[in-house]
Protein backbone atom coordinates (compact mmCIF):
# COMPACT_ATOMS: atom_id res chain seq x y z
CA UNK A 1 -4.90 2.93 12.36
CA UNK A 2 -1.42 1.84 12.57
CA UNK A 3 -0.93 -2.38 13.26
CA UNK A 4 2.77 -4.48 13.58
CA UNK A 5 2.75 -7.59 11.03
CA UNK A 6 6.12 -9.86 10.35
CA UNK A 7 8.06 -9.82 7.14
CA UNK A 8 10.85 -11.33 5.96
CA UNK A 9 12.85 -9.30 3.93
CA UNK A 10 15.71 -10.97 1.61
CA UNK A 11 19.06 -9.55 0.66
CA UNK A 12 22.46 -10.72 -0.58
CA UNK A 13 25.63 -10.87 0.51
CA UNK A 14 28.21 -8.37 -1.19
CA UNK A 15 30.98 -9.81 -0.12
CA UNK A 16 30.09 -13.00 -0.60
CA UNK A 17 34.33 -14.30 -1.81
CA UNK A 18 34.81 -13.39 1.33
CA UNK A 19 32.60 -15.35 4.53
CA UNK A 20 31.54 -17.94 1.71
CA UNK A 21 33.74 -20.42 3.05
CA UNK A 22 33.05 -19.77 6.76
CA UNK A 23 29.16 -20.01 5.57
CA UNK A 24 29.63 -23.62 3.99
CA UNK A 25 30.99 -24.47 7.11
CA UNK A 26 28.44 -23.85 9.66
CA UNK A 27 25.74 -24.49 6.24
CA UNK A 28 27.60 -28.33 6.26
CA UNK A 29 27.43 -28.41 10.45
CA UNK A 30 23.88 -27.88 9.86
CA UNK A 31 23.00 -30.96 7.13
CA UNK A 32 25.53 -33.05 10.09
CA UNK A 33 23.38 -32.15 13.87
CA UNK A 34 20.11 -33.50 11.73
CA UNK A 35 22.15 -36.11 10.86
CA UNK A 36 22.66 -37.05 13.95
CA UNK A 37 19.52 -36.21 15.45
CA UNK A 38 17.88 -37.96 12.83
CA UNK A 39 20.54 -41.59 13.31
CA UNK A 40 19.27 -41.16 17.43
CA UNK A 41 16.13 -40.85 16.43
CA UNK A 42 16.12 -43.99 14.70
CA UNK A 43 17.44 -45.76 17.36
CA UNK A 44 14.80 -45.35 20.33
CA UNK A 45 12.35 -44.93 17.75
CA UNK A 46 13.22 -49.19 16.92
CA UNK A 47 14.20 -49.23 20.40
CA UNK A 48 10.87 -47.85 22.28
CA UNK A 49 8.46 -47.57 19.14
CA UNK A 50 8.19 -44.51 20.06
CA UNK A 51 9.55 -40.86 18.15
CA UNK A 52 11.63 -38.77 20.69
CA UNK A 53 9.85 -35.37 20.44
CA UNK A 54 12.16 -31.99 20.48
CA UNK A 55 12.89 -31.93 24.18
CA UNK A 56 14.15 -35.49 24.03
CA UNK A 57 16.14 -35.12 21.57
CA UNK A 58 17.82 -31.49 22.55
CA UNK A 59 19.47 -33.14 25.79
CA UNK A 60 20.43 -36.17 23.96
CA UNK A 61 22.40 -33.36 21.39
CA UNK A 62 23.95 -31.28 23.62
CA UNK A 63 26.32 -33.93 24.18
CA UNK A 64 27.53 -34.82 21.00
CA UNK A 65 31.06 -32.61 19.78
CA UNK A 66 28.89 -31.11 16.73
CA UNK A 67 26.52 -29.36 18.79
CA UNK A 68 28.68 -26.74 19.86
CA UNK A 69 29.87 -25.87 15.82
CA UNK A 70 26.44 -23.84 16.48
CA UNK A 71 25.39 -21.50 18.74
CA UNK A 72 23.32 -22.73 20.82
CA UNK A 73 20.35 -21.44 19.49
CA UNK A 74 21.13 -22.47 15.89
CA UNK A 75 21.27 -25.97 16.99
CA UNK A 76 18.22 -25.65 18.64
CA UNK A 77 16.74 -24.37 15.77
CA UNK A 78 17.89 -27.50 13.50
CA UNK A 79 16.29 -30.23 16.60
CA UNK A 80 13.07 -27.83 16.00
CA UNK A 81 12.59 -28.60 12.20
CA UNK A 82 13.00 -32.45 11.98
CA UNK A 83 10.31 -32.40 14.62
CA UNK A 84 8.39 -30.62 12.71
CA UNK A 85 9.23 -33.14 9.64
CA UNK A 86 8.78 -35.91 11.63
CA UNK A 87 5.23 -34.32 13.47
CA UNK A 88 4.06 -33.64 9.52
CA UNK A 89 5.22 -36.84 8.70
CA UNK A 90 3.14 -38.89 11.07
CA UNK A 91 0.45 -37.32 10.18
CA UNK A 92 0.39 -38.61 6.48
CA UNK A 93 1.88 -41.82 7.25
CA UNK A 94 -1.52 -43.35 7.47
CA UNK A 95 -3.03 -41.37 4.14
CA UNK A 96 -0.23 -42.16 2.12
CA UNK A 97 1.49 -45.38 1.26
CA UNK A 98 4.38 -43.93 -0.04
CA UNK A 99 4.77 -41.42 2.82
CA UNK A 100 8.38 -41.67 3.87
CA UNK A 101 9.68 -39.92 7.55
CA UNK A 102 12.73 -37.03 7.31
CA UNK A 103 15.78 -39.02 5.60
CA UNK A 104 19.10 -37.79 6.14
CA UNK A 105 20.56 -34.67 4.34
CA UNK A 106 23.75 -36.28 2.54
CA UNK A 107 24.61 -36.58 -0.77
CA UNK A 108 26.78 -39.04 -1.55
CA UNK A 109 30.64 -38.37 0.88
CA UNK A 110 28.72 -34.94 1.54
CA UNK A 111 26.87 -33.26 2.96
CA UNK A 112 24.04 -30.70 1.67
CA UNK A 113 24.44 -26.89 2.89
CA UNK A 114 21.14 -26.67 4.93
CA UNK A 115 19.90 -23.51 6.05
CA UNK A 116 21.53 -21.70 9.41
CA UNK A 117 18.73 -19.83 11.87
CA UNK A 118 20.13 -17.30 13.95
CA UNK A 119 18.26 -16.06 17.06
CA UNK A 120 18.82 -12.60 18.72
CA UNK A 121 22.05 -14.09 20.37
CA UNK A 122 23.66 -15.30 17.84
CA UNK A 123 23.71 -12.15 15.11
CA UNK A 124 24.44 -8.11 15.86
CA UNK A 125 22.53 -5.81 13.71
CA UNK A 126 24.28 -2.89 12.27
CA UNK A 127 21.32 -0.92 9.46
CA UNK A 128 23.36 2.39 9.32
CA UNK A 129 26.58 -0.06 7.33
CA UNK A 130 24.49 -2.46 6.03
CA UNK A 131 25.96 -5.02 7.76
CA UNK A 132 24.90 -8.14 10.11
CA UNK A 133 27.33 -10.63 12.71
CA UNK A 134 27.23 -13.97 12.53
CA UNK A 135 27.96 -15.54 14.93
CA UNK A 136 30.01 -19.90 14.92
CA UNK A 137 29.70 -21.83 17.73
CA UNK A 138 32.57 -22.28 19.90
CA UNK A 139 34.84 -25.63 17.68
CA UNK A 140 34.40 -23.61 14.35
CA UNK A 141 35.99 -20.25 15.71
CA UNK A 142 39.76 -19.11 15.05
CA UNK A 143 39.13 -17.02 18.31
CA UNK A 144 37.33 -15.85 21.07
CA UNK A 145 35.73 -13.27 19.13
CA UNK A 146 36.06 -15.10 15.44
CA UNK A 147 32.95 -14.43 14.07
CA UNK A 148 31.24 -13.85 10.09
CA UNK A 149 30.74 -9.81 9.06
CA UNK A 150 27.95 -10.06 6.54
CA UNK A 151 27.74 -7.11 3.76
CA UNK A 152 24.43 -6.88 2.19
CA UNK A 153 21.98 -5.19 0.23
CA UNK A 154 18.14 -4.95 0.32
CA UNK A 155 15.96 -4.32 -2.27
CA UNK A 156 15.78 0.20 -2.66
CA UNK A 157 12.95 -0.23 -1.34
CA UNK A 158 13.86 -1.84 1.56
CA UNK A 159 15.10 0.31 4.29
CA UNK A 160 15.70 -2.24 7.56
CA UNK A 161 16.89 0.99 9.93
CA UNK A 162 13.36 1.33 9.57
CA UNK A 163 11.63 -1.94 11.34
CA UNK A 164 10.71 -1.87 14.72
CA UNK A 165 13.04 -5.26 15.56
CA UNK A 166 14.64 -7.99 13.65
CA UNK A 167 14.26 -10.89 14.73
CA UNK A 168 15.56 -13.73 13.74
CA UNK A 169 18.77 -14.14 10.10
CA UNK A 170 18.72 -16.89 8.28
CA UNK A 171 21.73 -17.97 6.11
CA UNK A 172 20.52 -19.42 2.51
CA UNK A 173 21.96 -21.55 0.45
CA UNK A 174 21.16 -21.30 -2.96
CA UNK A 175 23.05 -23.18 -4.85
CA UNK A 176 26.38 -22.94 -6.73
CA UNK A 177 25.52 -20.48 -8.59
CA UNK A 178 23.55 -18.46 -6.74
CA UNK A 179 25.20 -19.24 -3.47
CA UNK A 180 24.64 -17.83 0.17
CA UNK A 181 22.06 -14.64 0.42
CA UNK A 182 20.20 -13.74 3.77
CA UNK A 183 16.38 -13.68 5.10
CA UNK A 184 15.93 -11.27 7.78
CA UNK A 185 12.71 -11.63 9.74
CA UNK A 186 11.93 -8.54 11.01
CA UNK A 187 8.61 -6.71 12.77
CA UNK A 188 7.65 -3.77 11.23
CA UNK A 189 4.90 -1.02 11.63
CA UNK A 190 2.36 -0.79 8.81
CA UNK A 191 -0.54 1.87 8.65
CA UNK A 192 -4.31 0.02 7.42
CA UNK A 193 -6.69 3.43 5.49
CA UNK A 194 -9.39 3.87 7.43
CA UNK A 195 -12.11 1.15 5.98
CA UNK A 196 -11.97 -0.74 3.12
CA UNK A 197 -15.75 -0.79 2.83
CA UNK A 198 -18.93 -2.30 4.38
CA UNK A 199 -19.53 -4.71 1.42
CA UNK A 200 -19.11 -8.46 1.54
CA UNK A 201 -17.64 -11.03 -0.36
CA UNK A 202 -16.77 -14.19 0.40
CA UNK A 203 -14.10 -17.19 -1.39
CA UNK A 204 -15.13 -20.78 -2.03
CA UNK A 205 -11.39 -22.20 -2.74
CA UNK A 206 -10.95 -25.31 -4.30
CA UNK A 207 -8.08 -27.47 -6.24
CA UNK A 208 -9.00 -26.96 -9.54
CA UNK A 209 -10.26 -23.30 -9.18
CA UNK A 210 -7.88 -22.12 -6.86
CA UNK A 211 -10.07 -20.00 -5.88
CA UNK A 212 -13.84 -18.33 -6.76
CA UNK A 213 -14.97 -15.18 -5.51
CA UNK A 214 -18.64 -13.91 -4.85
CA UNK A 215 -18.16 -10.36 -5.17
CA UNK A 216 -21.60 -8.21 -4.17
CA UNK A 217 -21.97 -7.72 -8.52
CA UNK A 218 -19.86 -10.31 -9.80
CA UNK A 219 -18.08 -13.29 -9.95
CA UNK A 220 -14.14 -14.04 -10.90
CA UNK A 221 -12.47 -17.73 -11.07
CA UNK A 222 -8.88 -17.91 -10.37
CA UNK A 223 -7.88 -21.03 -11.50
CA UNK A 224 -4.57 -22.87 -10.81
CA UNK A 225 -3.19 -24.26 -13.63
CA UNK A 226 0.47 -22.66 -14.37
CA UNK A 227 0.28 -23.61 -10.32
CA UNK A 228 -0.18 -27.77 -11.75
CA UNK A 229 2.27 -27.50 -14.42
CA UNK A 230 4.84 -26.11 -12.12
CA UNK A 231 4.02 -28.60 -10.18
CA UNK A 232 4.16 -31.98 -13.29
CA UNK A 233 7.55 -30.38 -14.46
CA UNK A 234 9.37 -30.09 -11.40
CA UNK A 235 8.68 -32.96 -9.98
CA UNK A 236 9.35 -35.10 -12.72
CA UNK A 237 13.01 -33.50 -12.36
CA UNK A 238 12.21 -34.53 -8.56
CA UNK A 239 12.84 -37.74 -9.63
CA UNK A 240 16.11 -37.74 -9.93
CA UNK A 241 17.48 -38.93 -6.97
CA UNK A 242 20.81 -39.48 -7.75
CA UNK A 243 20.07 -42.77 -6.45
CA UNK A 244 21.68 -44.40 -2.52
CA UNK A 245 23.85 -41.10 -2.76
CA UNK A 246 20.94 -39.10 -1.95
CA UNK A 247 19.92 -36.08 -3.65
CA UNK A 248 21.14 -34.88 -6.94
CA UNK A 249 21.25 -31.46 -7.07
CA UNK A 250 19.19 -31.61 -10.60
CA UNK A 251 16.16 -32.87 -7.80
CA UNK A 252 17.14 -30.14 -5.10
CA UNK A 253 16.92 -27.70 -7.80
CA UNK A 254 14.00 -28.88 -8.73
CA UNK A 255 12.39 -28.58 -5.36
CA UNK A 256 13.55 -24.67 -4.74
CA UNK A 257 12.09 -24.05 -7.66
CA UNK A 258 9.42 -25.16 -7.60
CA UNK A 259 8.84 -23.84 -4.02
CA UNK A 260 9.72 -20.06 -5.11
CA UNK A 261 6.81 -20.41 -7.48
CA UNK A 262 4.35 -21.93 -5.79
CA UNK A 263 5.19 -18.96 -3.11
CA UNK A 264 5.17 -16.19 -5.53
CA UNK A 265 1.61 -17.40 -6.62
CA UNK A 266 0.01 -17.82 -4.07
CA UNK A 267 0.99 -13.84 -2.44
CA UNK A 268 0.18 -12.78 -6.12
CA UNK A 269 -3.25 -14.37 -5.75
CA UNK A 270 -3.90 -13.12 -2.36
CA UNK A 271 -2.80 -9.66 -3.30
CA UNK A 272 -5.31 -9.51 -6.20
CA UNK A 273 -7.90 -10.62 -4.25
CA UNK A 274 -7.60 -8.49 -1.15
CA UNK A 275 -6.94 -5.63 -4.11
CA UNK A 276 -9.93 -6.39 -5.68
CA UNK A 277 -11.72 -6.21 -2.51
CA UNK A 278 -10.42 -2.53 -1.43
CA UNK A 279 -11.64 -1.81 -5.02
CA UNK A 280 -14.83 -2.83 -4.72
CA UNK A 281 -15.79 -1.86 -1.62
CA UNK A 282 -15.29 -5.30 0.62
CA UNK A 283 -14.71 -4.85 3.34
CA UNK A 284 -15.20 -8.42 5.03
CA UNK A 285 -14.03 -11.12 3.14
CA UNK A 286 -15.44 -15.00 4.34
CA UNK A 287 -13.23 -17.80 3.26
CA UNK A 288 -14.84 -21.39 2.86
CA UNK A 289 -12.38 -23.31 5.84
CA UNK A 290 -13.44 -27.08 5.43
CA UNK A 291 -12.59 -28.54 8.76
CA UNK A 292 -11.13 -31.46 9.66
CA UNK A 293 -11.15 -32.61 6.02
CA UNK A 294 -7.37 -33.75 6.09
CA UNK A 295 -8.96 -36.12 8.91
CA UNK A 296 -11.24 -37.45 6.48
CA UNK A 297 -10.37 -40.43 4.63
CA UNK A 298 -10.40 -39.51 0.05
CA UNK A 299 -8.49 -42.60 -1.19
CA UNK A 300 -5.39 -42.45 -2.29
CA UNK A 301 -5.28 -40.38 -5.10
CA UNK A 302 -8.13 -37.33 -3.04
CA UNK A 303 -5.49 -37.40 -0.58
CA UNK A 304 -2.15 -37.41 -2.35
CA UNK A 305 -4.59 -34.29 -4.08
CA UNK A 306 -5.85 -33.54 -1.00
CA UNK A 307 -1.58 -32.54 0.70
CA UNK A 308 -0.89 -30.36 -1.45
CA UNK A 309 -4.04 -28.40 -1.68
CA UNK A 310 -2.72 -25.10 0.17
CA UNK A 311 -6.09 -23.55 1.90
CA UNK A 312 -4.80 -22.91 4.77
CA UNK A 313 -1.69 -20.63 3.57
CA UNK A 314 -4.33 -18.96 1.58
CA UNK A 315 -5.99 -18.10 4.63
CA UNK A 316 -2.74 -17.13 5.94
CA UNK A 317 -1.26 -15.36 3.43
CA UNK A 318 -4.93 -13.71 2.72
CA UNK A 319 -5.13 -12.84 6.41
CA UNK A 320 -2.38 -10.51 7.05
CA UNK A 321 -3.15 -9.12 3.84
CA UNK A 322 -6.17 -7.77 4.52
CA UNK A 323 -5.09 -6.72 8.21
CA UNK A 324 -2.71 -4.35 5.87
CA UNK A 325 -5.61 -2.92 4.41
CA UNK A 326 -8.44 -2.97 7.21
CA UNK A 327 -10.73 -6.63 5.36
CA UNK A 328 -11.70 -8.54 7.49
CA UNK A 329 -11.33 -11.91 6.78
CA UNK A 330 -12.67 -14.56 8.16
CA UNK A 331 -13.06 -18.23 8.17
CA UNK A 332 -16.22 -19.76 8.21
CA UNK A 333 -16.82 -23.79 8.07
CA UNK A 334 -18.53 -24.74 4.58
CA UNK A 335 -20.29 -27.71 5.62
CA UNK A 336 -23.42 -28.74 2.63
CA UNK A 337 -22.13 -25.28 0.89
CA UNK A 338 -21.42 -26.89 -2.58
CA UNK A 339 -24.81 -28.95 -2.23
CA UNK A 340 -26.97 -26.39 -0.98
CA UNK A 341 -28.74 -23.34 -3.71
CA UNK A 342 -27.36 -20.49 -3.23
CA UNK A 343 -30.60 -19.11 -5.21
CA UNK A 344 -33.19 -20.67 -2.97
CA UNK A 345 -31.84 -23.60 0.14
CA UNK A 346 -32.00 -26.69 -1.36
CA UNK A 347 -30.07 -29.46 -0.87
CA UNK A 348 -30.27 -31.83 -2.94
CA UNK A 349 -27.35 -33.72 -3.50
CA UNK A 350 -28.27 -34.62 -7.12
CA UNK A 351 -28.31 -30.91 -7.08
CA UNK A 352 -24.53 -30.77 -7.88
CA UNK A 353 -24.90 -32.38 -11.19
CA UNK A 354 -20.68 -32.75 -11.86
CA UNK A 355 -17.52 -30.95 -11.24
CA UNK A 356 -18.17 -27.88 -12.57
CA UNK A 357 -22.26 -27.69 -12.77
CA UNK A 358 -24.67 -27.13 -9.95
CA UNK A 359 -28.26 -27.03 -10.88
CA UNK A 360 -31.35 -26.80 -9.02
CA UNK A 361 -33.95 -28.76 -8.89
CA UNK A 362 -36.02 -26.69 -7.22
CA UNK A 363 -35.80 -22.94 -8.85
CA UNK A 364 -33.74 -24.35 -11.63
CA UNK A 365 -30.70 -22.38 -10.37
CA UNK A 366 -28.28 -22.95 -13.83
CA UNK A 367 -24.55 -22.38 -11.89
CA UNK A 368 -20.87 -22.76 -12.09
CA UNK A 369 -20.60 -25.06 -8.71
CA UNK A 370 -17.18 -23.06 -7.11
CA UNK A 371 -19.37 -19.62 -7.72
CA UNK A 372 -22.73 -21.33 -5.99
CA UNK A 373 -20.52 -22.57 -3.15
CA UNK A 374 -19.05 -18.89 -2.89
CA UNK A 375 -22.67 -17.04 -2.76
CA UNK A 376 -22.77 -19.67 -0.24
CA UNK A 377 -19.97 -18.18 1.49
CA UNK A 378 -21.30 -14.44 1.33
CA UNK A 379 -24.30 -15.46 2.17
CA UNK A 380 -23.61 -16.68 5.94
CA UNK A 381 -22.49 -12.32 6.55
CA UNK A 382 -25.18 -11.77 4.34
CA UNK A 383 -28.28 -13.90 4.28
CA UNK A 384 -29.73 -11.85 2.76
CA UNK A 385 -28.90 -10.45 -0.40
CA UNK A 386 -30.16 -7.15 -1.50
CA UNK A 387 -31.32 -6.13 -5.25
CA UNK A 388 -27.96 -8.25 -6.31
CA UNK A 389 -28.10 -10.48 -10.13
CA UNK A 390 -28.15 -13.61 -8.52
CA UNK A 391 -29.76 -14.90 -12.78
CA UNK A 392 -29.03 -18.11 -14.24
CA UNK A 393 -26.48 -15.67 -16.87
CA UNK A 394 -24.38 -13.82 -13.57
CA UNK A 395 -23.75 -17.32 -12.12
CA UNK A 396 -23.14 -19.88 -14.32
CA UNK A 397 -20.58 -17.19 -17.11
CA UNK A 398 -18.09 -15.60 -14.35
CA UNK A 399 -14.89 -14.13 -15.54
CA UNK A 400 -11.86 -15.82 -15.32
CA UNK A 401 -8.35 -14.39 -13.89
CA UNK A 402 -5.70 -16.38 -15.37
CA UNK A 403 -2.28 -16.30 -13.97
CA UNK A 404 0.31 -14.67 -16.79
CA UNK A 405 3.82 -16.46 -16.71
CA UNK A 406 5.37 -13.35 -18.66
CA UNK A 407 4.65 -10.33 -16.28
CA UNK A 408 4.25 -12.27 -13.18
CA UNK A 409 0.73 -10.95 -12.19
CA UNK A 410 -2.82 -12.20 -12.62
CA UNK A 411 -5.29 -11.08 -15.90
CA UNK A 412 -8.45 -11.96 -17.09
CA UNK A 413 -8.16 -14.48 -19.63
CA UNK A 414 -8.97 -11.93 -22.45
CA UNK A 415 -5.82 -10.31 -21.47
CA UNK A 416 -3.64 -13.20 -21.40
CA UNK A 417 -4.99 -14.68 -25.07
CA UNK A 418 -3.86 -11.00 -26.30
């Protein structure tokens, strides 16, 4: 079976010296458009008490001189990003006293370089020669047909001439050391295997154990220790804000580095889980979905942890990775799965003795609480397991796969220690 999916491929710019000044001007212009739109939103907000939507901001900004610094669709994308940032802040401000609205893009008297997105009419791709032509706005053109011609190189296993379509191209600034790079967002065709199998597994998503998987014959924990360590280290670096001059180079570096490490962790995690499913003959994966969980108030500390809980991101990664390998990923409401006994169905709340321990008052099952929850998710698909080991030893002593920084992969605890 052949399916179509969206993939993003990174290209390093080979003629960086020739195009950097042009890309710098575009990145500076994107920040200027953001700042003018942000200032406009502030004035409307003060006057009406409401944040203007992207339609209002686009209509206003089209009359500003900076709008024509970029291709029209690139300018529109900046406003869409600002509008999304306001929406995210609006959702958070009821839970976090310190939640701040999107700020201005500035560093002292200068503006940091922003990502510039080129949609269909803003670029022309030449995959045979590994080149892409990027449009400038009317204000930045020296003559009518002025543009930037970037020569790029992707990974050896990536051939952009074979993709169905390049949907858009993003010019991304990675700091003075690495300069600019290109991100190609592409639609591609992938072949999936005939069938992964007819087995069923369940996943309980959490904050300490990022994922706990109940396979028919084994339970596996995937702790999030490395993510927590990264957040602690790089968040400390983010506190170097540069004062009134705006975010410092160190702060912006820390944010980029943390985002990159988190992205790698979650991609590796979901790759590992889907691969395990294929190897074990699992064709259906039931994932706990905490419906309306972000609408609840868990207190200041709880809300902050909840905001960083990437359950929706994990589900998204599992879903599209499962599609390519014929593993169906189903989101199931996790209501009561943490307090219900996976062996007998007793739902006495006190059975959850503490965060990591579940002891059933009826059948005396002693289990790792996350494993119990994952098994309940599995049983939402297979209500009556046949012949599988659900003894105290199996549920109470799961296998643990730790993220190994050196190899960038998940390995068993024994492999990491050795």
